[in-house]
């Protein structure tokens, strides 16, 4: 069972996160980090999308924080704040 989640996380690392709604209402700390990163990416580069692996490197998350990051991505996708698109 743990192997499935690691494969899932590897797929998510290569995915692209797209900001759909610009809101952090009822979001946790890590969820706000993700939304704020995508918001700043939109402001700087004119597109609200980035690779998940790039975001993970920028936020410098390791260990337990990394698993919380993937959980936050799932919650944000479930709430339709972001969309994850698999590449290739």
PDB file of N, CA and C in Angstrom:
ATOM      1  N   UNK A   1       0.827  -1.190   0.000  1.00  0.00           N
ATOM      2  CA  UNK A   1       0.000   0.000   0.000  1.00  0.00           C
ATOM      3  C   UNK A   1       0.871   1.254   0.000  1.00  0.00           C
ATOM      4  N   UNK A   2       1.961   1.246   0.718  1.00  0.00           N
ATOM      5  CA  UNK A   2       2.846   2.405   0.744  1.00  0.00           C
ATOM      6  C   UNK A   2       3.467   2.640  -0.624  1.00  0.00           C
ATOM      7  N   UNK A   3       3.680   1.558  -1.364  1.00  0.00           N
ATOM      8  CA  UNK A   3       4.282   1.674  -2.680  1.00  0.00           C
ATOM      9  C   UNK A   3       3.361   2.440  -3.632  1.00  0.00           C
ATOM     10  N   UNK A   4       2.082   2.199  -3.534  1.00  0.00           N
ATOM     11  CA  UNK A   4       1.126   2.895  -4.388  1.00  0.00           C
ATOM     12  C   UNK A   4       1.176   4.399  -4.144  1.00  0.00           C
ATOM     13  N   UNK A   5       1.263   4.797  -2.886  1.00  0.00           N
ATOM     14  CA  UNK A   5       1.305   6.224  -2.594  1.00  0.00           C
ATOM     15  C   UNK A   5       2.609   6.842  -3.075  1.00  0.00           C
ATOM     16  N   UNK A   6       3.718   6.105  -3.018  1.00  0.00           N
ATOM     17  CA  UNK A   6       4.974   6.669  -3.508  1.00  0.00           C
ATOM     18  C   UNK A   6       4.930   6.822  -5.028  1.00  0.00           C
ATOM     19  N   UNK A   7       4.317   5.852  -5.722  1.00  0.00           N
ATOM     20  CA  UNK A   7       4.148   5.987  -7.167  1.00  0.00           C
ATOM     21  C   UNK A   7       3.241   7.165  -7.486  1.00  0.00           C
ATOM     22  N   UNK A   8       2.216   7.310  -6.683  1.00  0.00           N
ATOM     23  CA  UNK A   8       1.286   8.420  -6.862  1.00  0.00           C
ATOM     24  C   UNK A   8       2.012   9.750  -6.647  1.00  0.00           C
ATOM     25  N   UNK A   9       2.864   9.830  -5.625  1.00  0.00           N
ATOM     26  CA  UNK A   9       3.619  11.044  -5.357  1.00  0.00           C
ATOM     27  C   UNK A   9       4.608  11.345  -6.477  1.00  0.00           C
ATOM     28  N   UNK A  10       5.214  10.318  -7.068  1.00  0.00           N
ATOM     29  CA  UNK A  10       6.134  10.529  -8.189  1.00  0.00           C
ATOM     30  C   UNK A  10       5.383  11.110  -9.386  1.00  0.00           C
ATOM     31  N   UNK A  11       4.168  10.615  -9.631  1.00  0.00           N
ATOM     32  CA  UNK A  11       3.354  11.162 -10.711  1.00  0.00           C
ATOM     33  C   UNK A  11       2.988  12.611 -10.418  1.00  0.00           C
ATOM     34  N   UNK A  12       2.692  12.893  -9.150  1.00  0.00           N
ATOM     35  CA  UNK A  12       2.311  14.257  -8.781  1.00  0.00           C
ATOM     36  C   UNK A  12       3.489  15.223  -8.879  1.00  0.00           C
ATOM     37  N   UNK A  13       4.707  14.736  -8.651  1.00  0.00           N
ATOM     38  CA  UNK A  13       5.883  15.601  -8.786  1.00  0.00           C
ATOM     39  C   UNK A  13       6.041  16.111 -10.212  1.00  0.00           C
ATOM     40  N   UNK A  14       5.677  15.279 -11.178  1.00  0.00           N
ATOM     41  CA  UNK A  14       5.805  15.657 -12.580  1.00  0.00           C
ATOM     42  C   UNK A  14       4.587  16.418 -13.098  1.00  0.00           C
ATOM     43  N   UNK A  15       3.527  16.484 -12.308  1.00  0.00           N
ATOM     44  CA  UNK A  15       2.286  17.140 -12.723  1.00  0.00           C
ATOM     45  C   UNK A  15       2.440  18.658 -12.711  1.00  0.00           C
ATOM     46  N   UNK A  16       1.485  19.309 -13.335  1.00  0.00           N
ATOM     47  CA  UNK A  16       1.441  20.773 -13.360  1.00  0.00           C
ATOM     48  C   UNK A  16       0.240  21.219 -12.526  1.00  0.00           C
ATOM     49  N   UNK A  17       0.473  22.138 -11.603  1.00  0.00           N
ATOM     50  CA  UNK A  17      -0.592  22.691 -10.766  1.00  0.00           C
ATOM     51  C   UNK A  17      -1.082  23.987 -11.394  1.00  0.00           C
ATOM     52  N   UNK A  18      -2.391  24.099 -11.562  1.00  0.00           N
ATOM     53  CA  UNK A  18      -2.997  25.277 -12.174  1.00  0.00           C
ATOM     54  C   UNK A  18      -3.962  25.894 -11.173  1.00  0.00           C
ATOM     55  N   UNK A  19      -3.809  27.176 -10.935  1.00  0.00           N
ATOM     56  CA  UNK A  19      -4.689  27.899 -10.007  1.00  0.00           C
ATOM     57  C   UNK A  19      -6.006  28.202 -10.709  1.00  0.00           C
ATOM     58  N   UNK A  20      -7.102  27.734 -10.137  1.00  0.00           N
ATOM     59  CA  UNK A  20      -8.427  27.964 -10.710  1.00  0.00           C
ATOM     60  C   UNK A  20      -9.109  29.127  -9.994  1.00  0.00           C
ATOM     61  N   UNK A  21      -9.123  29.064  -8.652  1.00  0.00           N
ATOM     62  CA  UNK A  21      -9.754  30.116  -7.857  1.00  0.00           C
ATOM     63  C   UNK A  21      -8.743  30.701  -6.888  1.00  0.00           C
ATOM     64  N   UNK A  22      -8.731  31.987  -6.799  1.00  0.00           N
ATOM     65  CA  UNK A  22      -7.765  32.696  -5.976  1.00  0.00           C
ATOM     66  C   UNK A  22      -8.355  32.936  -4.583  1.00  0.00           C
ATOM     67  N   UNK A  23      -8.422  31.887  -3.781  1.00  0.00           N
ATOM     68  CA  UNK A  23      -8.993  32.008  -2.444  1.00  0.00           C
ATOM     69  C   UNK A  23      -8.228  31.129  -1.462  1.00  0.00           C
ATOM     70  N   UNK A  24      -8.097  31.595  -0.240  1.00  0.00           N
ATOM     71  CA  UNK A  24      -7.485  30.796   0.813  1.00  0.00           C
ATOM     72  C   UNK A  24      -8.430  30.669   2.007  1.00  0.00           C
ATOM     73  N   UNK A  25      -9.708  30.852   1.778  1.00  0.00           N
ATOM     74  CA  UNK A  25     -10.691  30.757   2.838  1.00  0.00           C
ATOM     75  C   UNK A  25     -10.760  29.324   3.350  1.00  0.00           C
ATOM     76  N   UNK A  26     -10.674  29.148   4.653  1.00  0.00           N
ATOM     77  CA  UNK A  26     -10.691  27.843   5.330  1.00  0.00           C
ATOM     78  C   UNK A  26      -9.544  26.939   4.888  1.00  0.00           C
ATOM     79  N   UNK A  27      -8.396  27.516   4.569  1.00  0.00           N
ATOM     80  CA  UNK A  27      -7.227  26.732   4.178  1.00  0.00           C
ATOM     81  C   UNK A  27      -6.233  26.677   5.330  1.00  0.00           C
ATOM     82  N   UNK A  28      -5.451  25.611   5.359  1.00  0.00           N
ATOM     83  CA  UNK A  28      -4.400  25.468   6.356  1.00  0.00           C
ATOM     84  C   UNK A  28      -3.131  26.188   5.919  1.00  0.00           C
ATOM     85  N   UNK A  29      -2.102  26.055   6.726  1.00  0.00           N
ATOM     86  CA  UNK A  29      -0.840  26.755   6.482  1.00  0.00           C
ATOM     87  C   UNK A  29      -0.190  26.321   5.168  1.00  0.00           C
ATOM     88  N   UNK A  30      -0.086  25.022   4.935  1.00  0.00           N
ATOM     89  CA  UNK A  30       0.570  24.518   3.726  1.00  0.00           C
ATOM     90  C   UNK A  30      -0.273  24.831   2.493  1.00  0.00           C
ATOM     91  N   UNK A  31      -1.593  24.732   2.624  1.00  0.00           N
ATOM     92  CA  UNK A  31      -2.476  25.077   1.513  1.00  0.00           C
ATOM     93  C   UNK A  31      -2.316  26.535   1.126  1.00  0.00           C
ATOM     94  N   UNK A  32      -2.174  27.400   2.110  1.00  0.00           N
ATOM     95  CA  UNK A  32      -1.956  28.823   1.812  1.00  0.00           C
ATOM     96  C   UNK A  32      -0.627  29.050   1.118  1.00  0.00           C
ATOM     97  N   UNK A  33       0.405  28.303   1.525  1.00  0.00           N
ATOM     98  CA  UNK A  33       1.700  28.404   0.850  1.00  0.00           C
ATOM     99  C   UNK A  33       1.569  28.072  -0.631  1.00  0.00           C
ATOM    100  N   UNK A  34       0.834  27.012  -0.941  1.00  0.00           N
ATOM    101  CA  UNK A  34       0.652  26.588  -2.330  1.00  0.00           C
ATOM    102  C   UNK A  34      -0.102  27.652  -3.129  1.00  0.00           C
ATOM    103  N   UNK A  35      -1.220  28.118  -2.588  1.00  0.00           N
ATOM    104  CA  UNK A  35      -2.031  29.116  -3.300  1.00  0.00           C
ATOM    105  C   UNK A  35      -1.262  30.415  -3.455  1.00  0.00           C
ATOM    106  N   UNK A  36      -0.556  30.849  -2.426  1.00  0.00           N
ATOM    107  CA  UNK A  36       0.228  32.088  -2.528  1.00  0.00           C
ATOM    108  C   UNK A  36       1.365  31.953  -3.523  1.00  0.00           C
ATOM    109  N   UNK A  37       1.987  30.771  -3.606  1.00  0.00           N
ATOM    110  CA  UNK A  37       3.046  30.558  -4.586  1.00  0.00           C
ATOM    111  C   UNK A  37       2.486  30.657  -6.006  1.00  0.00           C
ATOM    112  N   UNK A  38       1.337  30.020  -6.241  1.00  0.00           N
ATOM    113  CA  UNK A  38       0.721  30.086  -7.566  1.00  0.00           C
ATOM    114  C   UNK A  38       0.260  31.506  -7.888  1.00  0.00           C
ATOM    115  N   UNK A  39      -0.217  32.214  -6.875  1.00  0.00           N
ATOM    116  CA  UNK A  39      -0.637  33.611  -7.064  1.00  0.00           C
ATOM    117  C   UNK A  39       0.554  34.487  -7.443  1.00  0.00           C
ATOM    118  N   UNK A  40       1.682  34.301  -6.768  1.00  0.00           N
ATOM    119  CA  UNK A  40       2.870  35.093  -7.097  1.00  0.00           C
ATOM    120  C   UNK A  40       3.428  34.702  -8.461  1.00  0.00           C
ATOM    121  N   UNK A  41       3.305  33.433  -8.822  1.00  0.00           N
ATOM    122  CA  UNK A  41       3.751  32.976 -10.142  1.00  0.00           C
ATOM    123  C   UNK A  41       2.901  33.638 -11.227  1.00  0.00           C
ATOM    124  N   UNK A  42       1.603  33.774 -10.977  1.00  0.00           N
ATOM    125  CA  UNK A  42       0.714  34.465 -11.904  1.00  0.00           C
ATOM    126  C   UNK A  42       1.107  35.934 -12.039  1.00  0.00           C
ATOM    127  N   UNK A  43       1.405  36.561 -10.922  1.00  0.00           N
ATOM    128  CA  UNK A  43       1.772  37.977 -10.923  1.00  0.00           C
ATOM    129  C   UNK A  43       3.090  38.216 -11.660  1.00  0.00           C
ATOM    130  N   UNK A  44       4.073  37.336 -11.454  1.00  0.00           N
ATOM    131  CA  UNK A  44       5.394  37.519 -12.068  1.00  0.00           C
ATOM    132  C   UNK A  44       5.439  37.142 -13.541  1.00  0.00           C
ATOM    133  N   UNK A  45       4.870  35.980 -13.873  1.00  0.00           N
ATOM    134  CA  UNK A  45       5.049  35.422 -15.208  1.00  0.00           C
ATOM    135  C   UNK A  45       3.801  35.449 -16.075  1.00  0.00           C
ATOM    136  N   UNK A  46       2.679  35.852 -15.520  1.00  0.00           N
ATOM    137  CA  UNK A  46       1.461  35.962 -16.307  1.00  0.00           C
ATOM    138  C   UNK A  46       0.723  34.659 -16.535  1.00  0.00           C
ATOM    139  N   UNK A  47       1.142  33.584 -15.887  1.00  0.00           N
ATOM    140  CA  UNK A  47       0.418  32.320 -16.003  1.00  0.00           C
ATOM    141  C   UNK A  47       0.308  31.664 -14.633  1.00  0.00           C
ATOM    142  N   UNK A  48      -0.884  31.192 -14.291  1.00  0.00           N
ATOM    143  CA  UNK A  48      -1.103  30.623 -12.955  1.00  0.00           C
ATOM    144  C   UNK A  48      -0.774  29.146 -12.879  1.00  0.00           C
ATOM    145  N   UNK A  49       0.314  28.702 -13.507  1.00  0.00           N
ATOM    146  CA  UNK A  49       0.658  27.282 -13.507  1.00  0.00           C
ATOM    147  C   UNK A  49       2.137  27.099 -13.278  1.00  0.00           C
ATOM    148  N   UNK A  50       2.466  25.982 -12.623  1.00  0.00           N
ATOM    149  CA  UNK A  50       3.853  25.623 -12.384  1.00  0.00           C
ATOM    150  C   UNK A  50       3.930  24.130 -12.107  1.00  0.00           C
ATOM    151  N   UNK A  51       5.108  23.549 -12.257  1.00  0.00           N
ATOM    152  CA  UNK A  51       5.282  22.138 -11.940  1.00  0.00           C
ATOM    153  C   UNK A  51       5.321  21.952 -10.431  1.00  0.00           C
ATOM    154  N   UNK A  52       4.775  20.858  -9.978  1.00  0.00           N
ATOM    155  CA  UNK A  52       4.701  20.561  -8.549  1.00  0.00           C
ATOM    156  C   UNK A  52       6.106  20.379  -7.976  1.00  0.00           C
ATOM    157  N   UNK A  53       6.988  19.729  -8.717  1.00  0.00           N
ATOM    158  CA  UNK A  53       8.368  19.529  -8.250  1.00  0.00           C
ATOM    159  C   UNK A  53       9.097  20.839  -8.047  1.00  0.00           C
ATOM    160  N   UNK A  54       8.866  21.797  -8.954  1.00  0.00           N
ATOM    161  CA  UNK A  54       9.479  23.119  -8.829  1.00  0.00           C
ATOM    162  C   UNK A  54       8.962  23.841  -7.585  1.00  0.00           C
ATOM    163  N   UNK A  55       7.664  23.719  -7.343  1.00  0.00           N
ATOM    164  CA  UNK A  55       7.062  24.345  -6.166  1.00  0.00           C
ATOM    165  C   UNK A  55       7.619  23.724  -4.893  1.00  0.00           C
ATOM    166  N   UNK A  56       7.796  22.410  -4.897  1.00  0.00           N
ATOM    167  CA  UNK A  56       8.338  21.703  -3.734  1.00  0.00           C
ATOM    168  C   UNK A  56       9.766  22.146  -3.443  1.00  0.00           C
ATOM    169  N   UNK A  57      10.572  22.325  -4.485  1.00  0.00           N
ATOM    170  CA  UNK A  57      11.945  22.816  -4.303  1.00  0.00           C
ATOM    171  C   UNK A  57      11.955  24.232  -3.739  1.00  0.00           C
ATOM    172  N   UNK A  58      11.092  25.082  -4.285  1.00  0.00           N
ATOM    173  CA  UNK A  58      11.051  26.476  -3.847  1.00  0.00           C
ATOM    174  C   UNK A  58      10.627  26.600  -2.382  1.00  0.00           C
ATOM    175  N   UNK A  59       9.673  25.788  -1.970  1.00  0.00           N
ATOM    176  CA  UNK A  59       9.171  25.860  -0.598  1.00  0.00           C
ATOM    177  C   UNK A  59      10.087  25.147   0.393  1.00  0.00           C
ATOM    178  N   UNK A  60      11.057  24.359  -0.103  1.00  0.00           N
ATOM    179  CA  UNK A  60      12.056  23.653   0.716  1.00  0.00           C
ATOM    180  C   UNK A  60      11.406  22.792   1.801  1.00  0.00           C
ATOM    181  N   UNK A  61      10.539  21.904   1.372  1.00  0.00           N
ATOM    182  CA  UNK A  61       9.853  21.011   2.304  1.00  0.00           C
ATOM    183  C   UNK A  61      10.504  19.637   2.261  1.00  0.00           C
ATOM    184  N   UNK A  62      10.698  19.038   3.424  1.00  0.00           N
ATOM    185  CA  UNK A  62      11.309  17.720   3.535  1.00  0.00           C
ATOM    186  C   UNK A  62      10.577  16.913   4.597  1.00  0.00           C
ATOM    187  N   UNK A  63      10.654  15.591   4.491  1.00  0.00           N
ATOM    188  CA  UNK A  63      10.114  14.694   5.504  1.00  0.00           C
ATOM    189  C   UNK A  63       8.612  14.799   5.663  1.00  0.00           C
ATOM    190  N   UNK A  64       8.163  15.046   6.872  1.00  0.00           N
ATOM    191  CA  UNK A  64       6.740  15.103   7.177  1.00  0.00           C
ATOM    192  C   UNK A  64       6.073  16.267   6.448  1.00  0.00           C
ATOM    193  N   UNK A  65       6.788  17.359   6.308  1.00  0.00           N
ATOM    194  CA  UNK A  65       6.234  18.513   5.602  1.00  0.00           C
ATOM    195  C   UNK A  65       5.930  18.169   4.151  1.00  0.00           C
ATOM    196  N   UNK A  66       6.753  17.309   3.564  1.00  0.00           N
ATOM    197  CA  UNK A  66       6.549  16.907   2.177  1.00  0.00           C
ATOM    198  C   UNK A  66       5.245  16.116   2.034  1.00  0.00           C
ATOM    199  N   UNK A  67       4.980  15.215   2.977  1.00  0.00           N
ATOM    200  CA  UNK A  67       3.726  14.459   2.918  1.00  0.00           C
ATOM    201  C   UNK A  67       2.531  15.375   3.179  1.00  0.00           C
ATOM    202  N   UNK A  68       2.689  16.355   4.060  1.00  0.00           N
ATOM    203  CA  UNK A  68       1.623  17.335   4.291  1.00  0.00           C
ATOM    204  C   UNK A  68       1.369  18.152   3.039  1.00  0.00           C
ATOM    205  N   UNK A  69       2.434  18.427   2.273  1.00  0.00           N
ATOM    206  CA  UNK A  69       2.320  19.164   1.019  1.00  0.00           C
ATOM    207  C   UNK A  69       1.455  18.390   0.029  1.00  0.00           C
ATOM    208  N   UNK A  70       1.701  17.080  -0.112  1.00  0.00           N
ATOM    209  CA  UNK A  70       0.913  16.272  -1.037  1.00  0.00           C
ATOM    210  C   UNK A  70      -0.537  16.154  -0.568  1.00  0.00           C
ATOM    211  N   UNK A  71      -0.747  16.064   0.747  1.00  0.00           N
ATOM    212  CA  UNK A  71      -2.114  16.053   1.275  1.00  0.00           C
ATOM    213  C   UNK A  71      -2.819  17.372   0.992  1.00  0.00           C
ATOM    214  N   UNK A  72      -2.093  18.464   1.113  1.00  0.00           N
ATOM    215  CA  UNK A  72      -2.669  19.779   0.833  1.00  0.00           C
ATOM    216  C   UNK A  72      -3.057  19.898  -0.637  1.00  0.00           C
ATOM    217  N   UNK A  73      -2.230  19.351  -1.529  1.00  0.00           N
ATOM    218  CA  UNK A  73      -2.573  19.363  -2.956  1.00  0.00           C
ATOM    219  C   UNK A  73      -3.868  18.604  -3.212  1.00  0.00           C
ATOM    220  N   UNK A  74      -4.023  17.453  -2.547  1.00  0.00           N
ATOM    221  CA  UNK A  74      -5.245  16.663  -2.703  1.00  0.00           C
ATOM    222  C   UNK A  74      -6.461  17.459  -2.224  1.00  0.00           C
ATOM    223  N   UNK A  75      -6.325  18.107  -1.054  1.00  0.00           N
ATOM    224  CA  UNK A  75      -7.451  18.873  -0.508  1.00  0.00           C
ATOM    225  C   UNK A  75      -7.807  20.052  -1.406  1.00  0.00           C
ATOM    226  N   UNK A  76      -6.783  20.751  -1.923  1.00  0.00           N
ATOM    227  CA  UNK A  76      -7.050  21.891  -2.799  1.00  0.00           C
ATOM    228  C   UNK A  76      -7.698  21.442  -4.107  1.00  0.00           C
ATOM    229  N   UNK A  77      -7.289  20.292  -4.599  1.00  0.00           N
ATOM    230  CA  UNK A  77      -7.888  19.774  -5.829  1.00  0.00           C
ATOM    231  C   UNK A  77      -9.337  19.348  -5.566  1.00  0.00           C
ATOM    232  N   UNK A  78      -9.583  18.758  -4.419  1.00  0.00           N
ATOM    233  CA  UNK A  78     -10.939  18.332  -4.062  1.00  0.00           C
ATOM    234  C   UNK A  78     -11.866  19.538  -3.916  1.00  0.00           C
ATOM    235  N   UNK A  79     -11.343  20.636  -3.386  1.00  0.00           N
ATOM    236  CA  UNK A  79     -12.140  21.854  -3.200  1.00  0.00           C
ATOM    237  C   UNK A  79     -12.198  22.711  -4.463  1.00  0.00           C
ATOM    238  N   UNK A  80     -11.571  22.232  -5.540  1.00  0.00           N
ATOM    239  CA  UNK A  80     -11.555  22.899  -6.849  1.00  0.00           C
ATOM    240  C   UNK A  80     -10.932  24.288  -6.793  1.00  0.00           C
ATOM    241  N   UNK A  81      -9.855  24.404  -6.029  1.00  0.00           N
ATOM    242  CA  UNK A  81      -9.078  25.642  -5.994  1.00  0.00           C
ATOM    243  C   UNK A  81      -7.912  25.530  -6.967  1.00  0.00           C
ATOM    244  N   UNK A  82      -7.338  24.335  -7.074  1.00  0.00           N
ATOM    245  CA  UNK A  82      -6.311  24.086  -8.084  1.00  0.00           C
ATOM    246  C   UNK A  82      -6.709  22.871  -8.910  1.00  0.00           C
ATOM    247  N   UNK A  83      -6.026  22.712 -10.046  1.00  0.00           N
ATOM    248  CA  UNK A  83      -6.205  21.521 -10.871  1.00  0.00           C
ATOM    249  C   UNK A  83      -4.836  20.953 -11.155  1.00  0.00           C
ATOM    250  N   UNK A  84      -4.677  19.652 -11.038  1.00  0.00           N
ATOM    251  CA  UNK A  84      -3.411  18.983 -11.340  1.00  0.00           C
ATOM    252  C   UNK A  84      -3.559  18.266 -12.670  1.00  0.00           C
ATOM    253  N   UNK A  85      -2.627  18.558 -13.588  1.00  0.00           N
ATOM    254  CA  UNK A  85      -2.625  17.901 -14.889  1.00  0.00           C
ATOM    255  C   UNK A  85      -1.365  17.080 -15.016  1.00  0.00           C
ATOM    256  N   UNK A  86      -1.522  15.808 -15.360  1.00  0.00           N
ATOM    257  CA  UNK A  86      -0.366  14.931 -15.546  1.00  0.00           C
ATOM    258  C   UNK A  86       0.321  15.257 -16.863  1.00  0.00           C
ATOM    259  N   UNK A  87       1.635  15.215 -16.857  1.00  0.00           N
ATOM    260  CA  UNK A  87       2.430  15.483 -18.040  1.00  0.00           C
ATOM    261  C   UNK A  87       2.866  14.139 -18.630  1.00  0.00           C
ATOM    262  N   UNK A  88       2.618  13.986 -19.917  1.00  0.00           N
ATOM    263  CA  UNK A  88       3.077  12.791 -20.632  1.00  0.00           C
ATOM    264  C   UNK A  88       2.465  11.592 -20.123  1.00  0.00           C
TER     265      UNK A  88
END
